[in-house]
Amino acid sequence: MQDFFTWLGHFLGDLIRFVVDLLSRLYHDVSDAARGFLDGLTQSLGIAPSLVSMAMLAVGLWLLYLALRALLRRRLIATVVWSVLGVMVLSWLIS
């Protein structure tokens, strides 16, 4: 009877170890892919790979998205305002 529980303990330990190693590799690969994407993005734009730069990029793209939405709703003044603000933010970032 003791051999069965020893085998069961080894089996569960090996199973847990397999799952932990699998998830560790998965998260490591996802992290490497995200890091490679951000490095490629920042190098092609010529910006520093920092959190502030990524936030400013997101804000600039969000402002351009608001300009596009305003254009689709036929609000020309709002389109001009949002697009000028978006281009200003992105031009400060990408020099």
C-alpha atoms as a PDB file:
ATOM      1  CA  MET A   1       0.000   0.000   0.000  1.00  0.00           C
ATOM      2  CA  GLN A   2       2.886   2.310   0.784  1.00  0.00           C
ATOM      3  CA  ASP A   3       4.340   1.786  -2.711  1.00  0.00           C
ATOM      4  CA  PHE A   4       1.087   2.994  -4.266  1.00  0.00           C
ATOM      5  CA  PHE A   5       1.141   6.261  -2.305  1.00  0.00           C
ATOM      6  CA  THR A   6       4.826   6.728  -3.037  1.00  0.00           C
ATOM      7  CA  TRP A   7       4.094   6.289  -6.737  1.00  0.00           C
ATOM      8  CA  LEU A   8       1.093   8.654  -6.470  1.00  0.00           C
ATOM      9  CA  GLY A   9       3.235  11.272  -4.719  1.00  0.00           C
ATOM     10  CA  HIS A  10       5.927  11.046  -7.391  1.00  0.00           C
ATOM     11  CA  PHE A  11       3.331  11.190 -10.145  1.00  0.00           C
ATOM     12  CA  LEU A  12       1.639  14.293  -8.700  1.00  0.00           C
ATOM     13  CA  GLY A  13       5.012  15.925  -8.072  1.00  0.00           C
ATOM     14  CA  ASP A  14       6.122  15.272 -11.636  1.00  0.00           C
ATOM     15  CA  LEU A  15       2.789  16.535 -12.976  1.00  0.00           C
ATOM     16  CA  ILE A  16       2.999  19.742 -10.947  1.00  0.00           C
ATOM     17  CA  ARG A  17       6.608  20.231 -12.017  1.00  0.00           C
ATOM     18  CA  PHE A  18       5.648  19.735 -15.678  1.00  0.00           C
ATOM     19  CA  VAL A  19       2.829  22.304 -15.452  1.00  0.00           C
ATOM     20  CA  VAL A  20       5.052  24.841 -13.677  1.00  0.00           C
ATOM     21  CA  ASP A  21       7.851  24.407 -16.232  1.00  0.00           C
ATOM     22  CA  LEU A  22       5.383  24.661 -19.112  1.00  0.00           C
ATOM     23  CA  LEU A  23       3.849  27.879 -17.781  1.00  0.00           C
ATOM     24  CA  SER A  24       7.280  29.295 -17.006  1.00  0.00           C
ATOM     25  CA  ARG A  25       8.431  28.706 -20.593  1.00  0.00           C
ATOM     26  CA  LEU A  26       5.198  30.118 -21.974  1.00  0.00           C
ATOM     27  CA  TYR A  27       5.463  33.326 -19.942  1.00  0.00           C
ATOM     28  CA  HIS A  28       9.142  33.649 -20.807  1.00  0.00           C
ATOM     29  CA  ASP A  29       8.404  33.300 -24.526  1.00  0.00           C
ATOM     30  CA  VAL A  30       5.544  35.821 -24.339  1.00  0.00           C
ATOM     31  CA  SER A  31       7.807  38.220 -22.457  1.00  0.00           C
ATOM     32  CA  ASP A  32      10.547  37.845 -25.074  1.00  0.00           C
ATOM     33  CA  ALA A  33       8.054  38.417 -27.889  1.00  0.00           C
ATOM     34  CA  ALA A  34       6.676  41.556 -26.234  1.00  0.00           C
ATOM     35  CA  ARG A  35      10.175  42.865 -25.554  1.00  0.00           C
ATOM     36  CA  GLY A  36      11.177  42.235 -29.171  1.00  0.00           C
ATOM     37  CA  PHE A  37       8.054  43.974 -30.439  1.00  0.00           C
ATOM     38  CA  LEU A  38       8.633  47.034 -28.261  1.00  0.00           C
ATOM     39  CA  ASP A  39      12.326  47.177 -29.168  1.00  0.00           C
ATOM     40  CA  GLY A  40      11.506  47.015 -32.868  1.00  0.00           C
ATOM     41  CA  LEU A  41       8.777  49.633 -32.518  1.00  0.00           C
ATOM     42  CA  THR A  42      10.945  52.073 -30.592  1.00  0.00           C
ATOM     43  CA  GLN A  43      13.910  51.593 -32.928  1.00  0.00           C
ATOM     44  CA  SER A  44      11.838  52.172 -36.043  1.00  0.00           C
ATOM     45  CA  LEU A  45      10.273  55.307 -34.566  1.00  0.00           C
ATOM     46  CA  GLY A  46      13.564  56.552 -33.151  1.00  0.00           C
ATOM     47  CA  ILE A  47      12.287  56.950 -29.600  1.00  0.00           C
ATOM     48  CA  ALA A  48      13.608  55.792 -26.256  1.00  0.00           C
ATOM     49  CA  PRO A  49      12.237  52.448 -25.054  1.00  0.00           C
ATOM     50  CA  SER A  50      10.753  53.810 -21.822  1.00  0.00           C
ATOM     51  CA  LEU A  51       7.356  53.705 -20.212  1.00  0.00           C
ATOM     52  CA  VAL A  52       6.895  57.454 -20.657  1.00  0.00           C
ATOM     53  CA  SER A  53       7.617  57.220 -24.388  1.00  0.00           C
ATOM     54  CA  MET A  54       5.143  54.359 -24.772  1.00  0.00           C
ATOM     55  CA  ALA A  55       2.506  56.345 -22.859  1.00  0.00           C
ATOM     56  CA  MET A  56       3.069  59.409 -25.045  1.00  0.00           C
ATOM     57  CA  LEU A  57       2.833  57.260 -28.162  1.00  0.00           C
ATOM     58  CA  ALA A  58      -0.455  55.817 -26.911  1.00  0.00           C
ATOM     59  CA  VAL A  59      -1.806  59.301 -26.148  1.00  0.00           C
ATOM     60  CA  GLY A  60      -0.822  60.599 -29.586  1.00  0.00           C
ATOM     61  CA  LEU A  61      -2.413  57.654 -31.355  1.00  0.00           C
ATOM     62  CA  TRP A  62      -5.525  57.993 -29.199  1.00  0.00           C
ATOM     63  CA  LEU A  63      -5.826  61.661 -30.202  1.00  0.00           C
ATOM     64  CA  LEU A  64      -5.543  60.714 -33.868  1.00  0.00           C
ATOM     65  CA  TYR A  65      -8.215  58.071 -33.313  1.00  0.00           C
ATOM     66  CA  LEU A  66     -10.478  60.759 -31.831  1.00  0.00           C
ATOM     67  CA  ALA A  67      -9.820  62.881 -34.919  1.00  0.00           C
ATOM     68  CA  LEU A  68     -10.835  59.998 -37.158  1.00  0.00           C
ATOM     69  CA  ARG A  69     -14.020  59.436 -35.154  1.00  0.00           C
ATOM     70  CA  ALA A  70     -14.862  63.127 -35.371  1.00  0.00           C
ATOM     71  CA  LEU A  71     -14.266  63.059 -39.120  1.00  0.00           C
ATOM     72  CA  LEU A  72     -16.604  60.107 -39.530  1.00  0.00           C
ATOM     73  CA  ARG A  73     -19.253  62.007 -37.585  1.00  0.00           C
ATOM     74  CA  ARG A  74     -18.730  65.014 -39.902  1.00  0.00           C
ATOM     75  CA  ARG A  75     -17.498  67.315 -37.150  1.00  0.00           C
ATOM     76  CA  LEU A  76     -14.825  69.218 -39.005  1.00  0.00           C
ATOM     77  CA  ILE A  77     -13.706  71.593 -36.244  1.00  0.00           C
ATOM     78  CA  ALA A  78     -13.305  68.713 -33.777  1.00  0.00           C
ATOM     79  CA  THR A  79     -11.412  66.786 -36.442  1.00  0.00           C
ATOM     80  CA  VAL A  80      -8.969  69.645 -36.910  1.00  0.00           C
ATOM     81  CA  VAL A  81      -8.514  70.140 -33.155  1.00  0.00           C
ATOM     82  CA  TRP A  82      -7.925  66.444 -32.376  1.00  0.00           C
ATOM     83  CA  SER A  83      -5.630  65.930 -35.343  1.00  0.00           C
ATOM     84  CA  VAL A  84      -3.512  68.988 -34.510  1.00  0.00           C
ATOM     85  CA  LEU A  85      -3.202  67.834 -30.899  1.00  0.00           C
ATOM     86  CA  GLY A  86      -2.315  64.294 -31.980  1.00  0.00           C
ATOM     87  CA  VAL A  87       0.293  65.460 -34.456  1.00  0.00           C
ATOM     88  CA  MET A  88       1.776  67.818 -31.847  1.00  0.00           C
ATOM     89  CA  VAL A  89       2.149  65.033 -29.286  1.00  0.00           C
ATOM     90  CA  LEU A  90       3.638  62.639 -31.825  1.00  0.00           C
ATOM     91  CA  SER A  91       5.994  65.301 -33.218  1.00  0.00           C
ATOM     92  CA  TRP A  92       7.326  65.973 -29.708  1.00  0.00           C
ATOM     93  CA  LEU A  93       7.927  62.275 -29.318  1.00  0.00           C
ATOM     94  CA  ILE A  94       9.316  61.515 -32.779  1.00  0.00           C
ATOM     95  CA  SER A  95      11.845  64.176 -33.554  1.00  0.00           C
END
